PDB file of N, CA and C in Angstrom:
ATOM      1  N   MET A   1     -24.813  14.051  21.958  1.00  0.00           N
ATOM      2  CA  MET A   1     -24.550  14.999  23.032  1.00  0.00           C
ATOM      3  C   MET A   1     -25.869  15.608  23.504  1.00  0.00           C
ATOM      4  N   LEU A   2     -25.840  16.079  24.706  1.00  0.00           N
ATOM      5  CA  LEU A   2     -27.022  16.717  25.257  1.00  0.00           C
ATOM      6  C   LEU A   2     -27.228  18.087  24.630  1.00  0.00           C
ATOM      7  N   ALA A   3     -28.461  18.416  24.383  1.00  0.00           N
ATOM      8  CA  ALA A   3     -28.767  19.721  23.811  1.00  0.00           C
ATOM      9  C   ALA A   3     -28.488  20.811  24.842  1.00  0.00           C
ATOM     10  N   SER A   4     -28.067  21.957  24.369  1.00  0.00           N
ATOM     11  CA  SER A   4     -27.724  23.043  25.281  1.00  0.00           C
ATOM     12  C   SER A   4     -28.949  23.661  25.943  1.00  0.00           C
ATOM     13  N   ASN A   5     -30.142  23.400  25.405  1.00  0.00           N
ATOM     14  CA  ASN A   5     -31.353  23.981  25.984  1.00  0.00           C
ATOM     15  C   ASN A   5     -31.940  23.145  27.120  1.00  0.00           C
ATOM     16  N   GLY A   6     -31.318  22.061  27.485  1.00  0.00           N
ATOM     17  CA  GLY A   6     -31.779  21.263  28.612  1.00  0.00           C
ATOM     18  C   GLY A   6     -32.747  20.153  28.249  1.00  0.00           C
ATOM     19  N   CYS A   7     -33.122  20.042  26.972  1.00  0.00           N
ATOM     20  CA  CYS A   7     -34.056  18.979  26.574  1.00  0.00           C
ATOM     21  C   CYS A   7     -33.457  17.593  26.825  1.00  0.00           C
ATOM     22  N   GLY A   8     -32.171  17.452  26.580  1.00  0.00           N
ATOM     23  CA  GLY A   8     -31.505  16.171  26.808  1.00  0.00           C
ATOM     24  C   GLY A   8     -31.492  15.802  28.273  1.00  0.00           C
ATOM     25  N   VAL A   9     -31.286  16.798  29.121  1.00  0.00           N
ATOM     26  CA  VAL A   9     -31.271  16.558  30.559  1.00  0.00           C
ATOM     27  C   VAL A   9     -32.659  16.134  31.026  1.00  0.00           C
ATOM     28  N   LYS A  10     -33.687  16.804  30.519  1.00  0.00           N
ATOM     29  CA  LYS A  10     -35.055  16.441  30.889  1.00  0.00           C
ATOM     30  C   LYS A  10     -35.378  15.020  30.440  1.00  0.00           C
ATOM     31  N   ALA A  11     -34.921  14.659  29.256  1.00  0.00           N
ATOM     32  CA  ALA A  11     -35.158  13.300  28.760  1.00  0.00           C
ATOM     33  C   ALA A  11     -34.458  12.274  29.643  1.00  0.00           C
ATOM     34  N   LEU A  12     -33.239  12.584  30.060  1.00  0.00           N
ATOM     35  CA  LEU A  12     -32.515  11.665  30.939  1.00  0.00           C
ATOM     36  C   LEU A  12     -33.201  11.544  32.295  1.00  0.00           C
ATOM     37  N   LEU A  13     -33.703  12.646  32.814  1.00  0.00           N
ATOM     38  CA  LEU A  13     -34.420  12.593  34.094  1.00  0.00           C
ATOM     39  C   LEU A  13     -35.694  11.761  33.982  1.00  0.00           C
ATOM     40  N   ARG A  14     -36.430  11.932  32.880  1.00  0.00           N
ATOM     41  CA  ARG A  14     -37.633  11.119  32.676  1.00  0.00           C
ATOM     42  C   ARG A  14     -37.274   9.650  32.577  1.00  0.00           C
ATOM     43  N   LEU A  15     -36.193   9.342  31.856  1.00  0.00           N
ATOM     44  CA  LEU A  15     -35.743   7.953  31.724  1.00  0.00           C
ATOM     45  C   LEU A  15     -35.348   7.389  33.086  1.00  0.00           C
ATOM     46  N   TRP A  16     -34.643   8.169  33.892  1.00  0.00           N
ATOM     47  CA  TRP A  16     -34.224   7.725  35.214  1.00  0.00           C
ATOM     48  C   TRP A  16     -35.433   7.442  36.108  1.00  0.00           C
ATOM     49  N   ARG A  17     -36.418   8.348  36.098  1.00  0.00           N
ATOM     50  CA  ARG A  17     -37.634   8.141  36.909  1.00  0.00           C
ATOM     51  C   ARG A  17     -38.376   6.882  36.473  1.00  0.00           C
ATOM     52  N   TRP A  18     -38.507   6.683  35.170  1.00  0.00           N
ATOM     53  CA  TRP A  18     -39.182   5.507  34.653  1.00  0.00           C
ATOM     54  C   TRP A  18     -38.435   4.246  35.068  1.00  0.00           C
ATOM     55  N   THR A  19     -37.114   4.278  34.974  1.00  0.00           N
ATOM     56  CA  THR A  19     -36.298   3.114  35.335  1.00  0.00           C
ATOM     57  C   THR A  19     -36.473   2.777  36.815  1.00  0.00           C
ATOM     58  N   LYS A  20     -36.500   3.787  37.668  1.00  0.00           N
ATOM     59  CA  LYS A  20     -36.687   3.538  39.099  1.00  0.00           C
ATOM     60  C   LYS A  20     -38.024   2.881  39.374  1.00  0.00           C
ATOM     61  N   LEU A  21     -39.063   3.228  38.626  1.00  0.00           N
ATOM     62  CA  LEU A  21     -40.379   2.629  38.823  1.00  0.00           C
ATOM     63  C   LEU A  21     -40.432   1.178  38.366  1.00  0.00           C
ATOM     64  N   GLN A  22     -39.510   0.771  37.507  1.00  0.00           N
ATOM     65  CA  GLN A  22     -39.516  -0.582  36.972  1.00  0.00           C
ATOM     66  C   GLN A  22     -38.812  -1.587  37.877  1.00  0.00           C
ATOM     67  N   VAL A  23     -38.094  -1.105  38.861  1.00  0.00           N
ATOM     68  CA  VAL A  23     -37.360  -1.986  39.767  1.00  0.00           C
ATOM     69  C   VAL A  23     -38.352  -2.726  40.651  1.00  0.00           C
ATOM     70  N   VAL A  24     -38.201  -4.012  40.731  1.00  0.00           N
ATOM     71  CA  VAL A  24     -39.100  -4.855  41.514  1.00  0.00           C
ATOM     72  C   VAL A  24     -38.484  -5.078  42.888  1.00  0.00           C
ATOM     73  N   GLN A  25     -39.311  -4.925  43.911  1.00  0.00           N
ATOM     74  CA  GLN A  25     -38.834  -5.151  45.266  1.00  0.00           C
ATOM     75  C   GLN A  25     -38.814  -6.637  45.576  1.00  0.00           C
ATOM     76  N   ASP A  26     -37.935  -7.025  46.493  1.00  0.00           N
ATOM     77  CA  ASP A  26     -37.883  -8.417  46.934  1.00  0.00           C
ATOM     78  C   ASP A  26     -39.151  -8.759  47.705  1.00  0.00           C
ATOM     79  N   ILE A  27     -39.601  -9.994  47.528  1.00  0.00           N
ATOM     80  CA  ILE A  27     -40.770 -10.500  48.243  1.00  0.00           C
ATOM     81  C   ILE A  27     -40.278 -11.192  49.506  1.00  0.00           C
ATOM     82  N   PRO A  28     -40.849 -10.864  50.675  1.00  0.00           N
ATOM     83  CA  PRO A  28     -40.461 -11.579  51.896  1.00  0.00           C
ATOM     84  C   PRO A  28     -40.698 -13.083  51.723  1.00  0.00           C
ATOM     85  N   VAL A  29     -39.826 -13.876  52.308  1.00  0.00           N
ATOM     86  CA  VAL A  29     -39.895 -15.330  52.171  1.00  0.00           C
ATOM     87  C   VAL A  29     -41.276 -15.851  52.553  1.00  0.00           C
ATOM     88  N   ASN A  30     -41.865 -15.297  53.611  1.00  0.00           N
ATOM     89  CA  ASN A  30     -43.171 -15.765  54.065  1.00  0.00           C
ATOM     90  C   ASN A  30     -44.268 -15.516  53.037  1.00  0.00           C
ATOM     91  N   ASP A  31     -44.109 -14.516  52.196  1.00  0.00           N
ATOM     92  CA  ASP A  31     -45.129 -14.176  51.208  1.00  0.00           C
ATOM     93  C   ASP A  31     -44.839 -14.757  49.825  1.00  0.00           C
ATOM     94  N   ALA A  32     -43.658 -15.322  49.624  1.00  0.00           N
ATOM     95  CA  ALA A  32     -43.258 -15.784  48.294  1.00  0.00           C
ATOM     96  C   ALA A  32     -44.170 -16.886  47.767  1.00  0.00           C
ATOM     97  N   LEU A  33     -44.563 -17.817  48.608  1.00  0.00           N
ATOM     98  CA  LEU A  33     -45.437 -18.895  48.149  1.00  0.00           C
ATOM     99  C   LEU A  33     -46.770 -18.339  47.677  1.00  0.00           C
ATOM    100  N   CYS A  34     -47.332 -17.419  48.435  1.00  0.00           N
ATOM    101  CA  CYS A  34     -48.600 -16.809  48.028  1.00  0.00           C
ATOM    102  C   CYS A  34     -48.419 -16.011  46.740  1.00  0.00           C
ATOM    103  N   GLU A  35     -47.316 -15.324  46.632  1.00  0.00           N
ATOM    104  CA  GLU A  35     -47.081 -14.448  45.495  1.00  0.00           C
ATOM    105  C   GLU A  35     -46.838 -15.235  44.213  1.00  0.00           C
ATOM    106  N   PHE A  36     -46.111 -16.338  44.301  1.00  0.00           N
ATOM    107  CA  PHE A  36     -45.701 -17.066  43.100  1.00  0.00           C
ATOM    108  C   PHE A  36     -46.292 -18.461  42.964  1.00  0.00           C
ATOM    109  N   GLY A  37     -46.752 -19.058  44.052  1.00  0.00           N
ATOM    110  CA  GLY A  37     -47.197 -20.433  43.996  1.00  0.00           C
ATOM    111  C   GLY A  37     -48.699 -20.622  44.112  1.00  0.00           C
ATOM    112  N   CYS A  38     -49.452 -19.551  43.949  1.00  0.00           N
ATOM    113  CA  CYS A  38     -50.898 -19.641  44.098  1.00  0.00           C
ATOM    114  C   CYS A  38     -51.572 -18.877  42.972  1.00  0.00           C
ATOM    115  N   ARG A  39     -52.692 -19.401  42.517  1.00  0.00           N
ATOM    116  CA  ARG A  39     -53.420 -18.748  41.428  1.00  0.00           C
ATOM    117  C   ARG A  39     -54.304 -17.602  41.905  1.00  0.00           C
ATOM    118  N   LYS A  40     -54.659 -17.616  43.186  1.00  0.00           N
ATOM    119  CA  LYS A  40     -55.549 -16.576  43.712  1.00  0.00           C
ATOM    120  C   LYS A  40     -54.816 -15.245  43.761  1.00  0.00           C
ATOM    121  N   THR A  41     -55.553 -14.180  43.505  1.00  0.00           N
ATOM    122  CA  THR A  41     -54.956 -12.851  43.603  1.00  0.00           C
ATOM    123  C   THR A  41     -55.238 -12.198  44.944  1.00  0.00           C
ATOM    124  N   ARG A  42     -56.279 -12.655  45.622  1.00  0.00           N
ATOM    125  CA  ARG A  42     -56.619 -12.141  46.956  1.00  0.00           C
ATOM    126  C   ARG A  42     -57.266 -13.249  47.777  1.00  0.00           C
ATOM    127  N   CYS A  43     -57.015 -13.210  49.078  1.00  0.00           N
ATOM    128  CA  CYS A  43     -57.636 -14.158  49.993  1.00  0.00           C
ATOM    129  C   CYS A  43     -58.248 -13.397  51.157  1.00  0.00           C
ATOM    130  N   SER A  44     -59.342 -13.928  51.655  1.00  0.00           N
ATOM    131  CA  SER A  44     -59.902 -13.364  52.885  1.00  0.00           C
ATOM    132  C   SER A  44     -59.013 -13.811  54.044  1.00  0.00           C
ATOM    133  N   ALA A  45     -59.197 -13.187  55.201  1.00  0.00           N
ATOM    134  CA  ALA A  45     -58.398 -13.559  56.374  1.00  0.00           C
ATOM    135  C   ALA A  45     -58.605 -15.029  56.723  1.00  0.00           C
ATOM    136  N   GLY A  46     -59.835 -15.522  56.583  1.00  0.00           N
ATOM    137  CA  GLY A  46     -60.120 -16.926  56.881  1.00  0.00           C
ATOM    138  C   GLY A  46     -59.441 -17.871  55.910  1.00  0.00           C
ATOM    139  N   GLU A  47     -59.470 -17.517  54.630  1.00  0.00           N
ATOM    140  CA  GLU A  47     -58.791 -18.348  53.627  1.00  0.00           C
ATOM    141  C   GLU A  47     -57.287 -18.380  53.883  1.00  0.00           C
ATOM    142  N   TRP A  48     -56.721 -17.226  54.200  1.00  0.00           N
ATOM    143  CA  TRP A  48     -55.282 -17.141  54.418  1.00  0.00           C
ATOM    144  C   TRP A  48     -54.856 -17.941  55.643  1.00  0.00           C
ATOM    145  N   SER A  49     -55.631 -17.845  56.728  1.00  0.00           N
ATOM    146  CA  SER A  49     -55.245 -18.541  57.959  1.00  0.00           C
ATOM    147  C   SER A  49     -55.337 -20.055  57.814  1.00  0.00           C
ATOM    148  N   GLY A  50     -56.208 -20.535  56.940  1.00  0.00           N
ATOM    149  CA  GLY A  50     -56.349 -21.977  56.757  1.00  0.00           C
ATOM    150  C   GLY A  50     -55.743 -22.502  55.474  1.00  0.00           C
ATOM    151  N   CYS A  51     -54.974 -21.685  54.783  1.00  0.00           N
ATOM    152  CA  CYS A  51     -54.410 -22.063  53.486  1.00  0.00           C
ATOM    153  C   CYS A  51     -53.399 -23.205  53.639  1.00  0.00           C
ATOM    154  N   GLU A  52     -53.673 -24.321  52.983  1.00  0.00           N
ATOM    155  CA  GLU A  52     -52.789 -25.489  53.087  1.00  0.00           C
ATOM    156  C   GLU A  52     -51.401 -25.207  52.523  1.00  0.00           C
ATOM    157  N   ASN A  53     -51.321 -24.463  51.443  1.00  0.00           N
ATOM    158  CA  ASN A  53     -50.001 -24.128  50.886  1.00  0.00           C
ATOM    159  C   ASN A  53     -49.168 -23.332  51.889  1.00  0.00           C
ATOM    160  N   ARG A  54     -49.778 -22.352  52.517  1.00  0.00           N
ATOM    161  CA  ARG A  54     -49.069 -21.526  53.493  1.00  0.00           C
ATOM    162  C   ARG A  54     -48.665 -22.346  54.707  1.00  0.00           C
ATOM    163  N   LEU A  55     -49.576 -23.182  55.207  1.00  0.00           N
ATOM    164  CA  LEU A  55     -49.281 -24.005  56.378  1.00  0.00           C
ATOM    165  C   LEU A  55     -48.183 -25.029  56.082  1.00  0.00           C
ATOM    166  N   GLU A  56     -48.203 -25.592  54.883  1.00  0.00           N
ATOM    167  CA  GLU A  56     -47.151 -26.534  54.486  1.00  0.00           C
ATOM    168  C   GLU A  56     -45.802 -25.831  54.401  1.00  0.00           C
ATOM    169  N   SER A  57     -45.806 -24.624  53.884  1.00  0.00           N
ATOM    170  CA  SER A  57     -44.577 -23.848  53.804  1.00  0.00           C
ATOM    171  C   SER A  57     -44.004 -23.586  55.192  1.00  0.00           C
ATOM    172  N   ILE A  58     -44.865 -23.283  56.141  1.00  0.00           N
ATOM    173  CA  ILE A  58     -44.425 -23.058  57.520  1.00  0.00           C
ATOM    174  C   ILE A  58     -43.854 -24.340  58.109  1.00  0.00           C
ATOM    175  N   ARG A  59     -44.549 -25.455  57.882  1.00  0.00           N
ATOM    176  CA  ARG A  59     -44.054 -26.745  58.399  1.00  0.00           C
ATOM    177  C   ARG A  59     -42.686 -27.080  57.824  1.00  0.00           C
ATOM    178  N   LEU A  60     -42.502 -26.852  56.532  1.00  0.00           N
ATOM    179  CA  LEU A  60     -41.218 -27.147  55.896  1.00  0.00           C
ATOM    180  C   LEU A  60     -40.107 -26.239  56.429  1.00  0.00           C
ATOM    181  N   SER A  61     -40.402 -24.972  56.630  1.00  0.00           N
ATOM    182  CA  SER A  61     -39.382 -24.062  57.129  1.00  0.00           C
ATOM    183  C   SER A  61     -38.999 -24.379  58.571  1.00  0.00           C
ATOM    184  N   GLN A  62     -39.943 -24.882  59.355  1.00  0.00           N
ATOM    185  CA  GLN A  62     -39.668 -25.235  60.746  1.00  0.00           C
ATOM    186  C   GLN A  62     -38.888 -26.539  60.848  1.00  0.00           C
ATOM    187  N   SER A  63     -39.072 -27.423  59.866  1.00  0.00           N
ATOM    188  CA  SER A  63     -38.355 -28.703  59.909  1.00  0.00           C
ATOM    189  C   SER A  63     -36.960 -28.589  59.322  1.00  0.00           C
ATOM    190  N   GLY A  64     -36.665 -27.444  58.687  1.00  0.00           N
ATOM    191  CA  GLY A  64     -35.333 -27.245  58.129  1.00  0.00           C
ATOM    192  C   GLY A  64     -35.169 -27.766  56.724  1.00  0.00           C
ATOM    193  N   ASN A  65     -36.235 -28.231  56.075  1.00  0.00           N
ATOM    194  CA  ASN A  65     -36.144 -28.749  54.699  1.00  0.00           C
ATOM    195  C   ASN A  65     -36.301 -27.657  53.706  1.00  0.00           C
TER     196      ASN A  65
END
């Protein structure tokens, strides 16, 4: 049971806040390949615009495959 002095409530609030921070947001489809299918953690604008993985993903999505 919760303590009458509010310690239990504070613990539950801390647990709730921590749990909310652990929820992972969905990755947009366009970014999923970069997020999960590439070893790089960052790309320059030039690298991103010419990235073969990204361009192939676009080609596949446009062809319906």
